[in-house]
């Protein structure tokens, strides 16, 4: 019986040393890996949550900036349109003013040309008329009439 107890003790010691010790180390290592994995998963989950918060904040800021840019662009566009309208009105008024000046100048030139032509016709007509009176002997009557008036 002592031999069997010694045999059993030896087998138990060999099994413990060959099987139980490596198995318990393997189980501890595996437990540590699982624990580390769970901790890493919690950290990753926290980082994802933080990243989502930052993402939402960045999106919010981008939307705010976009609205500001759009508002500024619209106001700038309105200002540009207003300036263009004002400039067009000024140009229109200047063109109308210049057209009136040109029309008045052309009217004056036309009137001057008509006066010159009329004076030539009137002078020519009077000359022919006077020549006719002189030819018929009535030139002295005309001269006396002119001097009298």
N, C-alpha and C. Protein backbone atom coordinates (compact mmCIF):
# COMPACT_ATOMS: atom_id res chain seq x y z
N UNK A 1 0.81 -1.15 0.00
CA UNK A 1 0.00 0.00 0.00
C UNK A 1 0.88 1.26 0.00
N UNK A 2 1.97 1.19 0.66
CA UNK A 2 2.91 2.32 0.71
C UNK A 2 3.45 2.55 -0.70
N UNK A 3 3.69 1.45 -1.41
CA UNK A 3 4.21 1.59 -2.77
C UNK A 3 3.16 2.28 -3.64
N UNK A 4 1.93 1.96 -3.45
CA UNK A 4 0.88 2.60 -4.25
C UNK A 4 0.71 4.07 -3.86
N UNK A 5 0.88 4.37 -2.59
CA UNK A 5 0.77 5.77 -2.17
C UNK A 5 1.93 6.54 -2.77
N UNK A 6 3.11 5.93 -2.77
CA UNK A 6 4.29 6.60 -3.34
C UNK A 6 4.07 6.74 -4.85
N UNK A 7 3.60 5.65 -5.48
CA UNK A 7 3.31 5.67 -6.92
C UNK A 7 2.27 6.76 -7.23
N UNK A 8 1.20 6.79 -6.46
CA UNK A 8 0.14 7.78 -6.67
C UNK A 8 0.69 9.19 -6.47
N UNK A 9 1.52 9.39 -5.48
CA UNK A 9 2.13 10.69 -5.22
C UNK A 9 3.03 11.11 -6.36
N UNK A 10 3.82 10.11 -6.87
CA UNK A 10 4.70 10.42 -8.01
C UNK A 10 3.88 10.78 -9.25
N UNK A 11 2.86 10.02 -9.55
CA UNK A 11 2.02 10.29 -10.73
C UNK A 11 1.35 11.65 -10.55
N UNK A 12 0.88 11.88 -9.32
CA UNK A 12 0.23 13.16 -9.03
C UNK A 12 1.22 14.31 -9.20
N UNK A 13 2.45 14.16 -8.73
CA UNK A 13 3.47 15.19 -8.85
C UNK A 13 3.85 15.39 -10.31
N UNK A 14 3.99 14.31 -11.08
CA UNK A 14 4.35 14.40 -12.50
C UNK A 14 3.20 15.06 -13.29
N UNK A 15 1.98 14.63 -13.02
CA UNK A 15 0.82 15.23 -13.69
C UNK A 15 0.70 16.71 -13.33
N UNK A 16 0.93 17.04 -12.06
CA UNK A 16 0.85 18.43 -11.64
C UNK A 16 1.92 19.23 -12.37
N UNK A 17 3.13 18.66 -12.39
CA UNK A 17 4.24 19.39 -12.99
C UNK A 17 4.12 19.45 -14.51
N UNK A 18 3.65 18.41 -15.18
CA UNK A 18 3.54 18.37 -16.63
C UNK A 18 2.21 18.94 -17.15
N UNK A 19 1.13 18.76 -16.42
CA UNK A 19 -0.16 19.15 -16.96
C UNK A 19 -0.80 20.31 -16.20
N UNK A 20 -0.91 20.22 -14.89
CA UNK A 20 -1.66 21.21 -14.12
C UNK A 20 -0.95 22.55 -14.10
N UNK A 21 0.37 22.54 -13.94
CA UNK A 21 1.10 23.79 -13.87
C UNK A 21 1.02 24.54 -15.21
N UNK A 22 1.31 23.89 -16.37
CA UNK A 22 1.18 24.61 -17.64
C UNK A 22 -0.28 25.02 -17.92
N UNK A 23 -1.25 24.17 -17.53
CA UNK A 23 -2.66 24.51 -17.75
C UNK A 23 -3.05 25.72 -16.92
N UNK A 24 -2.62 25.79 -15.68
CA UNK A 24 -2.98 26.93 -14.85
C UNK A 24 -2.29 28.19 -15.37
N UNK A 25 -1.03 28.07 -15.86
CA UNK A 25 -0.35 29.22 -16.44
C UNK A 25 -1.08 29.65 -17.71
N UNK A 26 -1.48 28.69 -18.55
CA UNK A 26 -2.23 28.97 -19.77
C UNK A 26 -3.55 29.66 -19.45
N UNK A 27 -4.25 29.20 -18.41
CA UNK A 27 -5.53 29.79 -18.01
C UNK A 27 -5.31 31.21 -17.47
N UNK A 28 -4.23 31.42 -16.69
CA UNK A 28 -3.93 32.76 -16.19
C UNK A 28 -3.62 33.71 -17.35
N UNK A 29 -2.78 33.22 -18.30
CA UNK A 29 -2.44 34.04 -19.46
C UNK A 29 -3.69 34.38 -20.29
N UNK A 30 -4.52 33.40 -20.49
CA UNK A 30 -5.76 33.58 -21.27
C UNK A 30 -6.69 34.55 -20.54
N UNK A 31 -6.81 34.40 -19.20
CA UNK A 31 -7.63 35.30 -18.41
C UNK A 31 -7.09 36.72 -18.51
N UNK A 32 -5.75 36.85 -18.46
CA UNK A 32 -5.13 38.18 -18.59
C UNK A 32 -5.40 38.76 -19.96
N UNK A 33 -5.29 37.96 -21.03
CA UNK A 33 -5.58 38.43 -22.38
C UNK A 33 -7.04 38.89 -22.51
N UNK A 34 -7.94 38.10 -21.95
CA UNK A 34 -9.37 38.46 -22.00
C UNK A 34 -9.61 39.75 -21.23
N UNK A 35 -9.01 39.84 -20.04
CA UNK A 35 -9.17 41.05 -19.23
C UNK A 35 -8.60 42.27 -19.96
N UNK A 36 -7.38 42.10 -20.53
CA UNK A 36 -6.78 43.19 -21.30
C UNK A 36 -7.64 43.55 -22.51
N UNK A 37 -8.17 42.55 -23.17
CA UNK A 37 -9.05 42.78 -24.32
C UNK A 37 -10.30 43.55 -23.92
N UNK A 38 -10.89 43.19 -22.78
CA UNK A 38 -12.08 43.90 -22.30
C UNK A 38 -11.74 45.35 -21.94
N UNK A 39 -10.58 45.53 -21.28
CA UNK A 39 -10.15 46.90 -20.95
C UNK A 39 -9.90 47.72 -22.22
N UNK A 40 -9.22 47.08 -23.20
CA UNK A 40 -8.98 47.76 -24.47
C UNK A 40 -10.30 48.07 -25.19
N UNK A 41 -11.24 47.15 -25.11
CA UNK A 41 -12.55 47.39 -25.73
C UNK A 41 -13.25 48.56 -25.06
N UNK A 42 -13.15 48.64 -23.71
CA UNK A 42 -13.76 49.77 -22.99
C UNK A 42 -13.07 51.08 -23.40
N UNK A 43 -11.72 51.03 -23.47
CA UNK A 43 -10.98 52.23 -23.89
C UNK A 43 -11.39 52.63 -25.32
N UNK A 44 -11.46 51.64 -26.20
CA UNK A 44 -11.84 51.92 -27.59
C UNK A 44 -13.26 52.48 -27.65
N UNK A 45 -14.14 51.91 -26.84
CA UNK A 45 -15.52 52.40 -26.79
C UNK A 45 -15.55 53.85 -26.31
N UNK A 46 -14.75 54.15 -25.29
CA UNK A 46 -14.67 55.52 -24.79
C UNK A 46 -14.09 56.44 -25.87
N UNK A 47 -13.04 55.98 -26.54
CA UNK A 47 -12.43 56.78 -27.60
C UNK A 47 -13.41 57.00 -28.76
N UNK A 48 -14.17 55.96 -29.10
CA UNK A 48 -15.18 56.10 -30.16
C UNK A 48 -16.24 57.12 -29.74
N UNK A 49 -16.67 57.03 -28.49
CA UNK A 49 -17.66 57.99 -27.99
C UNK A 49 -17.09 59.40 -28.04
N UNK A 50 -15.83 59.56 -27.60
CA UNK A 50 -15.18 60.88 -27.67
C UNK A 50 -15.03 61.34 -29.12
N UNK A 51 -14.67 60.41 -29.99
CA UNK A 51 -14.52 60.75 -31.40
C UNK A 51 -15.87 61.17 -31.99
N UNK A 52 -16.94 60.48 -31.59
CA UNK A 52 -18.28 60.85 -32.07
C UNK A 52 -18.67 62.24 -31.56
N UNK A 53 -18.33 62.51 -30.31
CA UNK A 53 -18.63 63.84 -29.75
C UNK A 53 -17.84 64.90 -30.52
N UNK A 54 -16.55 64.63 -30.75
CA UNK A 54 -15.73 65.58 -31.51
C UNK A 54 -16.25 65.73 -32.93
N UNK A 55 -16.66 64.60 -33.52
CA UNK A 55 -17.20 64.64 -34.89
C UNK A 55 -18.45 65.52 -34.92
N UNK A 56 -19.35 65.33 -33.96
CA UNK A 56 -20.57 66.15 -33.90
C UNK A 56 -20.22 67.62 -33.71
N UNK A 57 -19.22 67.88 -32.86
CA UNK A 57 -18.79 69.26 -32.62
C UNK A 57 -18.20 69.87 -33.89
N UNK A 58 -17.38 69.08 -34.60
CA UNK A 58 -16.79 69.56 -35.86
C UNK A 58 -17.88 69.81 -36.89
N UNK A 59 -18.84 68.90 -36.97
CA UNK A 59 -19.95 69.07 -37.92
C UNK A 59 -20.75 70.31 -37.56
N UNK A 60 -21.01 70.51 -36.27
CA UNK A 60 -21.75 71.68 -35.82
C UNK A 60 -21.00 72.97 -36.19
N UNK A 61 -19.69 72.97 -35.94
CA UNK A 61 -18.87 74.13 -36.29
C UNK A 61 -18.86 74.36 -37.80
N UNK A 62 -18.75 73.25 -38.56
CA UNK A 62 -18.73 73.37 -40.02
C UNK A 62 -20.06 73.94 -40.53
N UNK A 63 -21.17 73.47 -39.96
CA UNK A 63 -22.49 74.00 -40.35
C UNK A 63 -22.59 75.48 -40.00
N UNK A 64 -22.10 75.83 -38.82
CA UNK A 64 -22.12 77.23 -38.39
C UNK A 64 -21.29 78.08 -39.34
N UNK A 65 -20.07 77.59 -39.67
CA UNK A 65 -19.20 78.32 -40.59
C UNK A 65 -19.84 78.41 -41.98
N UNK A 66 -20.47 77.32 -42.41
CA UNK A 66 -21.12 77.32 -43.73
C UNK A 66 -22.25 78.34 -43.76
N UNK A 67 -23.05 78.39 -42.69
CA UNK A 67 -24.14 79.37 -42.63
C UNK A 67 -23.58 80.79 -42.66
N UNK A 68 -22.49 80.99 -41.92
CA UNK A 68 -21.87 82.31 -41.89
C UNK A 68 -21.33 82.68 -43.27
N UNK A 69 -20.70 81.73 -43.92
CA UNK A 69 -20.18 81.97 -45.27
C UNK A 69 -21.32 82.27 -46.24
N UNK A 70 -22.39 81.49 -46.15
CA UNK A 70 -23.54 81.71 -47.03
C UNK A 70 -24.15 83.09 -46.76
N UNK A 71 -24.31 83.43 -45.49
CA UNK A 71 -24.88 84.74 -45.13
C UNK A 71 -23.98 85.86 -45.66
N UNK A 72 -22.68 85.73 -45.44
CA UNK A 72 -21.75 86.74 -45.94
C UNK A 72 -21.78 86.82 -47.46
N UNK A 73 -21.84 85.66 -48.10
CA UNK A 73 -21.88 85.64 -49.56
C UNK A 73 -23.14 86.30 -50.07
N UNK A 74 -24.27 86.02 -49.42
CA UNK A 74 -25.53 86.63 -49.84
C UNK A 74 -25.48 88.14 -49.66
N UNK A 75 -24.97 88.59 -48.52
CA UNK A 75 -24.90 90.03 -48.29
C UNK A 75 -23.91 90.68 -49.26
N UNK A 76 -22.78 90.00 -49.52
CA UNK A 76 -21.82 90.51 -50.49
C UNK A 76 -22.45 90.56 -51.88
N UNK A 77 -23.19 89.52 -52.22
CA UNK A 77 -23.86 89.47 -53.52
C UNK A 77 -24.88 90.60 -53.65
N UNK A 78 -25.65 90.83 -52.60
CA UNK A 78 -26.63 91.92 -52.62
C UNK A 78 -25.92 93.26 -52.77
N UNK A 79 -24.81 93.42 -52.08
CA UNK A 79 -24.04 94.66 -52.16
C UNK A 79 -23.50 94.85 -53.57
N UNK A 80 -22.99 93.79 -54.16
CA UNK A 80 -22.45 93.87 -55.53
C UNK A 80 -23.57 94.22 -56.51
N UNK A 81 -24.73 93.59 -56.34
CA UNK A 81 -25.87 93.89 -57.22
C UNK A 81 -26.29 95.34 -57.04
N UNK A 82 -26.34 95.80 -55.79
CA UNK A 82 -26.73 97.19 -55.52
C UNK A 82 -25.74 98.15 -56.16
N UNK A 83 -24.45 97.86 -55.99
CA UNK A 83 -23.42 98.71 -56.60
C UNK A 83 -23.54 98.72 -58.12
N UNK A 84 -23.80 97.54 -58.70
CA UNK A 84 -23.94 97.45 -60.15
C UNK A 84 -25.16 98.25 -60.62
N UNK A 85 -26.27 98.15 -59.87
CA UNK A 85 -27.47 98.92 -60.22
C UNK A 85 -27.19 100.42 -60.13
N UNK A 86 -26.55 100.83 -59.03
CA UNK A 86 -26.23 102.24 -58.87
C UNK A 86 -25.33 102.73 -60.00
N UNK A 87 -24.34 101.92 -60.34
CA UNK A 87 -23.42 102.29 -61.41
C UNK A 87 -24.17 102.37 -62.74
N UNK A 88 -25.07 101.41 -62.97
CA UNK A 88 -25.85 101.41 -64.21
C UNK A 88 -26.75 102.64 -64.28
N UNK A 89 -27.35 103.01 -63.15
CA UNK A 89 -28.21 104.21 -63.12
C UNK A 89 -27.38 105.45 -63.43
N UNK A 90 -26.21 105.55 -62.81
CA UNK A 90 -25.34 106.69 -63.09
C UNK A 90 -24.91 106.73 -64.55
N UNK A 91 -24.57 105.58 -65.08
CA UNK A 91 -24.16 105.51 -66.48
C UNK A 91 -25.33 105.89 -67.39
N UNK A 92 -26.54 105.41 -67.05
CA UNK A 92 -27.73 105.73 -67.84
C UNK A 92 -27.97 107.24 -67.82
N UNK A 93 -27.88 107.84 -66.64
CA UNK A 93 -28.09 109.27 -66.53
C UNK A 93 -27.04 110.04 -67.31
N UNK A 94 -25.80 109.57 -67.25
CA UNK A 94 -24.72 110.22 -68.00
C UNK A 94 -24.95 110.09 -69.50
N UNK A 95 -25.40 108.92 -69.94
CA UNK A 95 -25.67 108.71 -71.37
C UNK A 95 -26.82 109.61 -71.82
N UNK A 96 -27.88 109.70 -71.00
CA UNK A 96 -29.02 110.56 -71.34
C UNK A 96 -28.57 112.02 -71.40
N UNK A 97 -27.79 112.43 -70.42
CA UNK A 97 -27.29 113.80 -70.38
C UNK A 97 -26.45 114.09 -71.62
N UNK A 98 -25.56 113.16 -71.96
CA UNK A 98 -24.71 113.33 -73.14
C UNK A 98 -25.55 113.34 -74.41
N UNK A 99 -26.58 112.50 -74.48
CA UNK A 99 -27.45 112.46 -75.65
C UNK A 99 -28.20 113.78 -75.80
N UNK A 100 -28.67 114.35 -74.67
CA UNK A 100 -29.35 115.64 -74.72
C UNK A 100 -28.40 116.72 -75.22
N UNK A 101 -27.17 116.70 -74.68
CA UNK A 101 -26.18 117.68 -75.13
C UNK A 101 -25.88 117.53 -76.62
N UNK A 102 -25.74 116.28 -77.06
CA UNK A 102 -25.48 116.03 -78.48
C UNK A 102 -26.66 116.47 -79.33
N UNK A 103 -27.89 116.20 -78.85
CA UNK A 103 -29.09 116.60 -79.60
C UNK A 103 -29.18 118.13 -79.68
N UNK A 104 -28.90 118.82 -78.57
CA UNK A 104 -28.93 120.28 -78.58
C UNK A 104 -27.86 120.84 -79.53
N UNK A 105 -26.69 120.23 -79.48
CA UNK A 105 -25.60 120.66 -80.35
C UNK A 105 -25.98 120.45 -81.81
N UNK A 106 -26.56 119.30 -82.11
CA UNK A 106 -26.99 118.98 -83.47
C UNK A 106 -28.11 119.92 -83.91
N UNK A 107 -29.03 120.23 -82.99
CA UNK A 107 -30.12 121.16 -83.29
C UNK A 107 -29.55 122.54 -83.61
N UNK A 108 -28.59 123.00 -82.78
CA UNK A 108 -27.97 124.31 -83.01
C UNK A 108 -27.23 124.31 -84.33
N UNK A 109 -26.50 123.24 -84.61
CA UNK A 109 -25.78 123.15 -85.89
C UNK A 109 -26.76 123.16 -87.06
N UNK A 110 -27.88 122.44 -86.91
CA UNK A 110 -28.90 122.41 -87.97
C UNK A 110 -29.50 123.79 -88.16
N UNK A 111 -29.83 124.46 -87.02
CA UNK A 111 -30.40 125.80 -87.11
C UNK A 111 -29.41 126.76 -87.78
N UNK A 112 -28.13 126.65 -87.41
CA UNK A 112 -27.12 127.51 -88.02
C UNK A 112 -27.02 127.24 -89.52
N UNK A 113 -27.04 125.96 -89.90
CA UNK A 113 -26.96 125.61 -91.31
C UNK A 113 -28.19 126.12 -92.06
N UNK A 114 -29.38 125.99 -91.43
CA UNK A 114 -30.61 126.48 -92.07
C UNK A 114 -30.55 128.00 -92.21
N UNK A 115 -30.07 128.69 -91.18
CA UNK A 115 -29.95 130.15 -91.24
C UNK A 115 -29.00 130.57 -92.37
N UNK A 116 -27.87 129.85 -92.46
CA UNK A 116 -26.91 130.18 -93.52
C UNK A 116 -27.54 129.98 -94.89
N UNK A 117 -28.20 128.83 -95.06
CA UNK A 117 -28.83 128.55 -96.35
C UNK A 117 -29.96 129.56 -96.62
N UNK A 118 -30.74 129.89 -95.57
CA UNK A 118 -31.83 130.86 -95.74
C UNK A 118 -31.27 132.22 -96.09
N UNK A 119 -30.19 132.60 -95.42
CA UNK A 119 -29.61 133.91 -95.72
C UNK A 119 -29.09 133.95 -97.15
N UNK A 120 -28.52 132.83 -97.61
CA UNK A 120 -28.03 132.76 -98.99
C UNK A 120 -29.22 132.89 -99.94
N UNK A 121 -30.31 132.15 -99.66
CA UNK A 121 -31.50 132.21 -100.52
C UNK A 121 -32.14 133.59 -100.48
N UNK A 122 -32.24 134.13 -99.25
CA UNK A 122 -32.86 135.46 -99.12
C UNK A 122 -32.01 136.51 -99.83
N UNK A 123 -30.69 136.45 -99.60
CA UNK A 123 -29.79 137.39 -100.26
C UNK A 123 -29.90 137.26 -101.77
N UNK A 124 -29.89 136.02 -102.23
CA UNK A 124 -29.99 135.77 -103.67
C UNK A 124 -31.32 136.27 -104.20
N UNK A 125 -32.39 136.02 -103.45
CA UNK A 125 -33.72 136.47 -103.87
C UNK A 125 -33.81 137.98 -103.90
N UNK A 126 -33.31 138.63 -102.85
CA UNK A 126 -33.35 140.09 -102.78
C UNK A 126 -32.50 140.68 -103.91
N UNK A 127 -31.33 140.02 -104.10
CA UNK A 127 -30.46 140.51 -105.18
C UNK A 127 -31.17 140.41 -106.51
N UNK A 128 -31.83 139.31 -106.77
CA UNK A 128 -32.55 139.15 -108.04
C UNK A 128 -33.70 140.15 -108.14
N UNK A 129 -34.38 140.36 -107.01
CA UNK A 129 -35.49 141.28 -106.99
C UNK A 129 -35.00 142.71 -107.25
N UNK A 130 -33.91 143.07 -106.57
CA UNK A 130 -33.35 144.41 -106.74
C UNK A 130 -32.87 144.57 -108.18
N UNK A 131 -32.22 143.56 -108.72
CA UNK A 131 -31.76 143.62 -110.10
C UNK A 131 -32.94 143.80 -111.06
N UNK A 132 -34.06 143.14 -110.71
CA UNK A 132 -35.27 143.28 -111.53
C UNK A 132 -35.81 144.69 -111.46
N UNK A 133 -35.84 145.30 -110.28
CA UNK A 133 -36.32 146.67 -110.12
C UNK A 133 -35.38 147.65 -110.81
N UNK A 134 -34.07 147.38 -110.67
CA UNK A 134 -33.09 148.28 -111.29
C UNK A 134 -33.24 148.18 -112.80
N UNK A 135 -33.44 146.96 -113.30
CA UNK A 135 -33.57 146.76 -114.73
C UNK A 135 -34.84 147.45 -115.25
N UNK A 136 -35.88 147.52 -114.46
CA UNK A 136 -37.11 148.17 -114.90
C UNK A 136 -37.13 149.65 -114.53
N UNK A 137 -36.13 150.12 -113.87
CA UNK A 137 -36.02 151.53 -113.55
C UNK A 137 -36.63 151.90 -112.22
N UNK A 138 -36.92 150.99 -111.37
CA UNK A 138 -37.54 151.27 -110.09
C UNK A 138 -36.53 151.21 -108.95
N UNK A 139 -35.26 151.14 -109.23
CA UNK A 139 -34.21 151.03 -108.23
C UNK A 139 -34.15 152.22 -107.33
N UNK A 140 -34.37 153.39 -107.85
CA UNK A 140 -34.32 154.60 -107.05
C UNK A 140 -35.45 154.63 -106.04
N UNK A 141 -36.61 154.14 -106.40
CA UNK A 141 -37.76 154.11 -105.50
C UNK A 141 -37.45 153.20 -104.30
N UNK A 142 -36.80 152.09 -104.56
CA UNK A 142 -36.46 151.14 -103.49
C UNK A 142 -35.44 151.75 -102.56
N UNK A 143 -34.43 152.41 -103.10
CA UNK A 143 -33.39 153.02 -102.29
C UNK A 143 -34.00 154.11 -101.44
N UNK A 144 -34.87 154.95 -101.99
CA UNK A 144 -35.51 156.00 -101.24
C UNK A 144 -36.40 155.42 -100.14
N UNK A 145 -37.09 154.33 -100.46
CA UNK A 145 -37.95 153.68 -99.46
C UNK A 145 -37.14 153.11 -98.31
N UNK A 146 -36.00 152.60 -98.60
CA UNK A 146 -35.14 152.03 -97.56
C UNK A 146 -34.55 153.14 -96.71
N UNK A 147 -34.14 154.18 -97.33
CA UNK A 147 -33.56 155.29 -96.60
C UNK A 147 -34.61 155.97 -95.74
N UNK A 148 -35.80 155.97 -96.22
CA UNK A 148 -36.88 156.61 -95.50
C UNK A 148 -37.22 155.83 -94.22
N UNK A 149 -37.16 154.59 -94.28
CA UNK A 149 -37.50 153.76 -93.13
C UNK A 149 -36.32 153.69 -92.24
